[in-house]
């Protein structure tokens, strides 16, 4: 049996929630019950002041998945990981499901991609994650890996002029 990586499944949920969220102010049951009178299975809302999107979905098995996304969502990285010194968070998406979590940060920094890459490679190694994927393609650098416990990590750092616009993804315990 081939399974999608947990980060990919939750990224799809996040993308769908954000797409629905882009439609407007606040909604409940955004198409979840199809108008058939069934109990609502999901909701989303957008904070008009901050632009933060919040979504919640209950699966067929009762599993609840929640998502918060926005520039001001508090950054809570899994143990062993920290925000790159001096980096500015331009977006933070946090998905939680049971004991699992996926954090997707978009960062900006004046630091060089190689310096940021070394910083996160060391944190991944300390967290027991073997960096098995590494790609250096001109202005873009990417590393990623997973450990036996299913904790996943990826870091992508393209350089645009004087700014590195990076993306950090860390997931653990997701089904």
C-alpha atoms as a PDB file:
ATOM      1  CA  UNK A   1       0.000   0.000   0.000  1.00  0.00           C
ATOM      2  CA  UNK A   2       1.415   3.386  -0.999  1.00  0.00           C
ATOM      3  CA  UNK A   3       0.531   6.290   1.268  1.00  0.00           C
ATOM      4  CA  UNK A   4       0.978   9.984   0.624  1.00  0.00           C
ATOM      5  CA  UNK A   5       3.386  11.670   3.000  1.00  0.00           C
ATOM      6  CA  UNK A   6       1.453  13.266   5.896  1.00  0.00           C
ATOM      7  CA  UNK A   7       2.728  16.705   4.956  1.00  0.00           C
ATOM      8  CA  UNK A   8       1.347  16.312   1.430  1.00  0.00           C
ATOM      9  CA  UNK A   9      -2.102  15.263   2.671  1.00  0.00           C
ATOM     10  CA  UNK A  10      -2.314  18.133   5.123  1.00  0.00           C
ATOM     11  CA  UNK A  11      -0.915  20.593   2.611  1.00  0.00           C
ATOM     12  CA  UNK A  12      -3.838  19.634   0.361  1.00  0.00           C
ATOM     13  CA  UNK A  13      -6.254  20.280   3.260  1.00  0.00           C
ATOM     14  CA  UNK A  14      -4.572  23.623   3.915  1.00  0.00           C
ATOM     15  CA  UNK A  15      -4.740  24.633   0.259  1.00  0.00           C
ATOM     16  CA  UNK A  16      -8.421  23.739   0.099  1.00  0.00           C
ATOM     17  CA  UNK A  17      -9.169  25.655   3.287  1.00  0.00           C
ATOM     18  CA  UNK A  18      -7.283  28.677   2.029  1.00  0.00           C
ATOM     19  CA  UNK A  19      -9.039  28.542  -1.331  1.00  0.00           C
ATOM     20  CA  UNK A  20     -12.414  28.472   0.392  1.00  0.00           C
ATOM     21  CA  UNK A  21     -11.208  31.157   2.770  1.00  0.00           C
ATOM     22  CA  UNK A  22     -10.332  33.450  -0.103  1.00  0.00           C
ATOM     23  CA  UNK A  23     -14.014  33.596  -1.040  1.00  0.00           C
ATOM     24  CA  UNK A  24     -15.038  36.080   1.614  1.00  0.00           C
ATOM     25  CA  UNK A  25     -15.684  37.129   5.178  1.00  0.00           C
ATOM     26  CA  UNK A  26     -17.004  34.365   7.379  1.00  0.00           C
ATOM     27  CA  UNK A  27     -18.788  31.123   6.648  1.00  0.00           C
ATOM     28  CA  UNK A  28     -19.845  27.993   8.422  1.00  0.00           C
ATOM     29  CA  UNK A  29     -20.064  24.565   6.865  1.00  0.00           C
ATOM     30  CA  UNK A  30     -18.434  25.754   3.672  1.00  0.00           C
ATOM     31  CA  UNK A  31     -20.080  23.202   1.425  1.00  0.00           C
ATOM     32  CA  UNK A  32     -19.383  20.402   3.895  1.00  0.00           C
ATOM     33  CA  UNK A  33     -22.931  19.125   4.225  1.00  0.00           C
ATOM     34  CA  UNK A  34     -23.969  19.690   0.620  1.00  0.00           C
ATOM     35  CA  UNK A  35     -27.304  21.138   1.774  1.00  0.00           C
ATOM     36  CA  UNK A  36     -28.638  17.668   2.629  1.00  0.00           C
ATOM     37  CA  UNK A  37     -29.450  18.478   6.266  1.00  0.00           C
ATOM     38  CA  UNK A  38     -26.520  16.447   7.586  1.00  0.00           C
ATOM     39  CA  UNK A  39     -24.555  17.703  10.568  1.00  0.00           C
ATOM     40  CA  UNK A  40     -21.890  20.276   9.655  1.00  0.00           C
ATOM     41  CA  UNK A  41     -18.393  18.793   9.342  1.00  0.00           C
ATOM     42  CA  UNK A  42     -16.317  21.889   8.873  1.00  0.00           C
ATOM     43  CA  UNK A  43     -16.058  25.613   9.175  1.00  0.00           C
ATOM     44  CA  UNK A  44     -13.731  28.468   8.393  1.00  0.00           C
ATOM     45  CA  UNK A  45     -13.486  32.142   9.152  1.00  0.00           C
ATOM     46  CA  UNK A  46     -11.236  35.033   8.222  1.00  0.00           C
ATOM     47  CA  UNK A  47     -10.323  37.711  10.747  1.00  0.00           C
ATOM     48  CA  UNK A  48     -11.042  41.014   8.992  1.00  0.00           C
ATOM     49  CA  UNK A  49      -8.383  42.879  10.997  1.00  0.00           C
ATOM     50  CA  UNK A  50      -5.456  40.461  10.728  1.00  0.00           C
ATOM     51  CA  UNK A  51      -6.348  38.420   7.649  1.00  0.00           C
ATOM     52  CA  UNK A  52      -5.818  35.219   9.656  1.00  0.00           C
ATOM     53  CA  UNK A  53      -7.703  32.238   8.276  1.00  0.00           C
ATOM     54  CA  UNK A  54      -8.967  29.543  10.641  1.00  0.00           C
ATOM     55  CA  UNK A  55     -10.497  26.284   9.478  1.00  0.00           C
ATOM     56  CA  UNK A  56     -11.810  23.153  11.185  1.00  0.00           C
ATOM     57  CA  UNK A  57     -12.839  19.822   9.671  1.00  0.00           C
ATOM     58  CA  UNK A  58     -14.181  16.641  11.241  1.00  0.00           C
ATOM     59  CA  UNK A  59     -13.422  13.482   9.263  1.00  0.00           C
ATOM     60  CA  UNK A  60     -15.714  10.481   8.833  1.00  0.00           C
ATOM     61  CA  UNK A  61     -13.930   8.784  11.737  1.00  0.00           C
ATOM     62  CA  UNK A  62     -14.420  11.795  14.039  1.00  0.00           C
ATOM     63  CA  UNK A  63     -10.846  13.035  13.726  1.00  0.00           C
ATOM     64  CA  UNK A  64     -10.734  16.817  14.000  1.00  0.00           C
ATOM     65  CA  UNK A  65      -8.221  18.756  11.907  1.00  0.00           C
ATOM     66  CA  UNK A  66      -7.709  22.468  12.547  1.00  0.00           C
ATOM     67  CA  UNK A  67      -5.733  25.070  10.654  1.00  0.00           C
ATOM     68  CA  UNK A  68      -4.607  28.624  11.389  1.00  0.00           C
ATOM     69  CA  UNK A  69      -2.813  30.643   8.734  1.00  0.00           C
ATOM     70  CA  UNK A  70      -1.560  34.206   8.645  1.00  0.00           C
ATOM     71  CA  UNK A  71       1.355  36.508   9.274  1.00  0.00           C
ATOM     72  CA  UNK A  72       0.474  37.000  12.953  1.00  0.00           C
ATOM     73  CA  UNK A  73      -0.244  33.384  13.923  1.00  0.00           C
ATOM     74  CA  UNK A  74       2.058  32.666  16.894  1.00  0.00           C
ATOM     75  CA  UNK A  75       5.090  30.597  15.876  1.00  0.00           C
ATOM     76  CA  UNK A  76       5.254  27.316  17.806  1.00  0.00           C
ATOM     77  CA  UNK A  77       7.833  25.009  16.279  1.00  0.00           C
ATOM     78  CA  UNK A  78       8.247  21.393  17.395  1.00  0.00           C
ATOM     79  CA  UNK A  79      10.937  20.736  20.003  1.00  0.00           C
ATOM     80  CA  UNK A  80      14.455  21.152  18.667  1.00  0.00           C
ATOM     81  CA  UNK A  81      13.563  23.745  16.036  1.00  0.00           C
ATOM     82  CA  UNK A  82      13.756  27.541  16.309  1.00  0.00           C
ATOM     83  CA  UNK A  83      13.182  30.521  14.080  1.00  0.00           C
ATOM     84  CA  UNK A  84      16.305  31.646  12.217  1.00  0.00           C
ATOM     85  CA  UNK A  85      17.818  34.609  14.119  1.00  0.00           C
ATOM     86  CA  UNK A  86      16.640  37.899  12.641  1.00  0.00           C
ATOM     87  CA  UNK A  87      14.226  36.282  10.172  1.00  0.00           C
ATOM     88  CA  UNK A  88      10.810  37.859   9.696  1.00  0.00           C
ATOM     89  CA  UNK A  89       7.780  35.565   9.433  1.00  0.00           C
ATOM     90  CA  UNK A  90       5.633  36.583   6.456  1.00  0.00           C
ATOM     91  CA  UNK A  91       3.186  33.699   6.867  1.00  0.00           C
ATOM     92  CA  UNK A  92       2.632  30.884   9.346  1.00  0.00           C
ATOM     93  CA  UNK A  93       0.303  27.982   8.660  1.00  0.00           C
ATOM     94  CA  UNK A  94      -0.274  25.536  11.501  1.00  0.00           C
ATOM     95  CA  UNK A  95      -2.328  22.374  11.017  1.00  0.00           C
ATOM     96  CA  UNK A  96      -3.167  20.155  14.000  1.00  0.00           C
ATOM     97  CA  UNK A  97      -4.750  16.720  13.953  1.00  0.00           C
ATOM     98  CA  UNK A  98      -4.984  14.638  17.159  1.00  0.00           C
ATOM     99  CA  UNK A  99      -1.388  14.648  18.522  1.00  0.00           C
ATOM    100  CA  UNK A 100       0.074  15.599  15.132  1.00  0.00           C
ATOM    101  CA  UNK A 101       1.136  18.962  13.797  1.00  0.00           C
ATOM    102  CA  UNK A 102       2.351  20.501  10.550  1.00  0.00           C
ATOM    103  CA  UNK A 103       3.985  23.929  10.640  1.00  0.00           C
ATOM    104  CA  UNK A 104       4.693  25.763   7.399  1.00  0.00           C
ATOM    105  CA  UNK A 105       6.568  29.054   7.806  1.00  0.00           C
ATOM    106  CA  UNK A 106       7.430  31.552   5.111  1.00  0.00           C
ATOM    107  CA  UNK A 107      10.401  33.672   6.158  1.00  0.00           C
ATOM    108  CA  UNK A 108      12.404  36.621   4.897  1.00  0.00           C
ATOM    109  CA  UNK A 109      15.991  37.286   5.906  1.00  0.00           C
ATOM    110  CA  UNK A 110      19.032  39.198   4.727  1.00  0.00           C
ATOM    111  CA  UNK A 111      21.057  36.044   5.505  1.00  0.00           C
ATOM    112  CA  UNK A 112      22.465  33.963   2.682  1.00  0.00           C
ATOM    113  CA  UNK A 113      20.573  30.746   1.831  1.00  0.00           C
ATOM    114  CA  UNK A 114      23.650  28.632   2.690  1.00  0.00           C
ATOM    115  CA  UNK A 115      23.769  30.067   6.226  1.00  0.00           C
ATOM    116  CA  UNK A 116      20.070  29.406   6.794  1.00  0.00           C
ATOM    117  CA  UNK A 117      20.443  25.930   5.284  1.00  0.00           C
ATOM    118  CA  UNK A 118      23.267  25.058   7.704  1.00  0.00           C
ATOM    119  CA  UNK A 119      21.201  26.338  10.645  1.00  0.00           C
ATOM    120  CA  UNK A 120      18.178  24.156   9.789  1.00  0.00           C
ATOM    121  CA  UNK A 121      20.251  21.134   8.728  1.00  0.00           C
ATOM    122  CA  UNK A 122      21.835  21.116  12.215  1.00  0.00           C
ATOM    123  CA  UNK A 123      18.428  21.426  13.890  1.00  0.00           C
ATOM    124  CA  UNK A 124      17.033  18.559  11.806  1.00  0.00           C
ATOM    125  CA  UNK A 125      20.017  16.366  12.710  1.00  0.00           C
ATOM    126  CA  UNK A 126      19.557  17.187  16.410  1.00  0.00           C
ATOM    127  CA  UNK A 127      15.890  16.174  16.084  1.00  0.00           C
ATOM    128  CA  UNK A 128      16.955  12.795  14.649  1.00  0.00           C
ATOM    129  CA  UNK A 129      15.905  13.623  11.105  1.00  0.00           C
ATOM    130  CA  UNK A 130      18.238  12.378   8.400  1.00  0.00           C
ATOM    131  CA  UNK A 131      18.473  14.980   5.632  1.00  0.00           C
ATOM    132  CA  UNK A 132      18.092  12.605   2.710  1.00  0.00           C
ATOM    133  CA  UNK A 133      17.205  15.140   0.024  1.00  0.00           C
ATOM    134  CA  UNK A 134      19.380  18.043  -1.008  1.00  0.00           C
ATOM    135  CA  UNK A 135      19.063  20.210  -4.109  1.00  0.00           C
ATOM    136  CA  UNK A 136      21.108  23.244  -5.063  1.00  0.00           C
ATOM    137  CA  UNK A 137      19.838  24.803  -8.273  1.00  0.00           C
ATOM    138  CA  UNK A 138      21.304  28.240  -8.814  1.00  0.00           C
ATOM    139  CA  UNK A 139      19.368  30.743  -6.714  1.00  0.00           C
ATOM    140  CA  UNK A 140      17.280  28.047  -4.958  1.00  0.00           C
ATOM    141  CA  UNK A 141      18.435  25.552  -2.344  1.00  0.00           C
ATOM    142  CA  UNK A 142      16.301  22.817  -0.726  1.00  0.00           C
ATOM    143  CA  UNK A 143      16.851  20.099   1.884  1.00  0.00           C
ATOM    144  CA  UNK A 144      14.443  17.611   3.407  1.00  0.00           C
ATOM    145  CA  UNK A 145      14.118  14.384   5.283  1.00  0.00           C
ATOM    146  CA  UNK A 146      12.128  12.186   7.620  1.00  0.00           C
ATOM    147  CA  UNK A 147      12.905   9.964  10.598  1.00  0.00           C
ATOM    148  CA  UNK A 148      11.632   6.530  11.604  1.00  0.00           C
ATOM    149  CA  UNK A 149       9.003   8.138  13.860  1.00  0.00           C
ATOM    150  CA  UNK A 150       7.417   9.887  10.869  1.00  0.00           C
ATOM    151  CA  UNK A 151       8.703  13.354  11.692  1.00  0.00           C
ATOM    152  CA  UNK A 152       9.315  15.232   8.456  1.00  0.00           C
ATOM    153  CA  UNK A 153      11.239  18.364   7.612  1.00  0.00           C
ATOM    154  CA  UNK A 154      11.964  20.474   4.555  1.00  0.00           C
ATOM    155  CA  UNK A 155      13.590  23.833   4.022  1.00  0.00           C
ATOM    156  CA  UNK A 156      13.687  25.779   0.766  1.00  0.00           C
ATOM    157  CA  UNK A 157      15.640  29.016   0.415  1.00  0.00           C
ATOM    158  CA  UNK A 158      15.592  30.976  -2.848  1.00  0.00           C
ATOM    159  CA  UNK A 159      17.482  34.264  -2.957  1.00  0.00           C
ATOM    160  CA  UNK A 160      15.825  37.279  -4.585  1.00  0.00           C
ATOM    161  CA  UNK A 161      18.123  40.282  -4.747  1.00  0.00           C
ATOM    162  CA  UNK A 162      19.157  41.139  -1.195  1.00  0.00           C
ATOM    163  CA  UNK A 163      16.497  38.954   0.458  1.00  0.00           C
ATOM    164  CA  UNK A 164      16.232  35.230   1.087  1.00  0.00           C
ATOM    165  CA  UNK A 165      12.577  34.194   0.990  1.00  0.00           C
ATOM    166  CA  UNK A 166      12.549  30.806   2.651  1.00  0.00           C
ATOM    167  CA  UNK A 167       9.966  28.167   3.491  1.00  0.00           C
ATOM    168  CA  UNK A 168      10.283  25.816   6.464  1.00  0.00           C
ATOM    169  CA  UNK A 169       7.991  22.810   6.868  1.00  0.00           C
ATOM    170  CA  UNK A 170       8.041  20.539   9.925  1.00  0.00           C
ATOM    171  CA  UNK A 171       5.503  17.792  10.547  1.00  0.00           C
ATOM    172  CA  UNK A 172       5.109  15.121  13.184  1.00  0.00           C
ATOM    173  CA  UNK A 173       2.534  12.516  14.118  1.00  0.00           C
ATOM    174  CA  UNK A 174       0.080  13.072  11.292  1.00  0.00           C
ATOM    175  CA  UNK A 175      -2.061  10.427   9.642  1.00  0.00           C
END
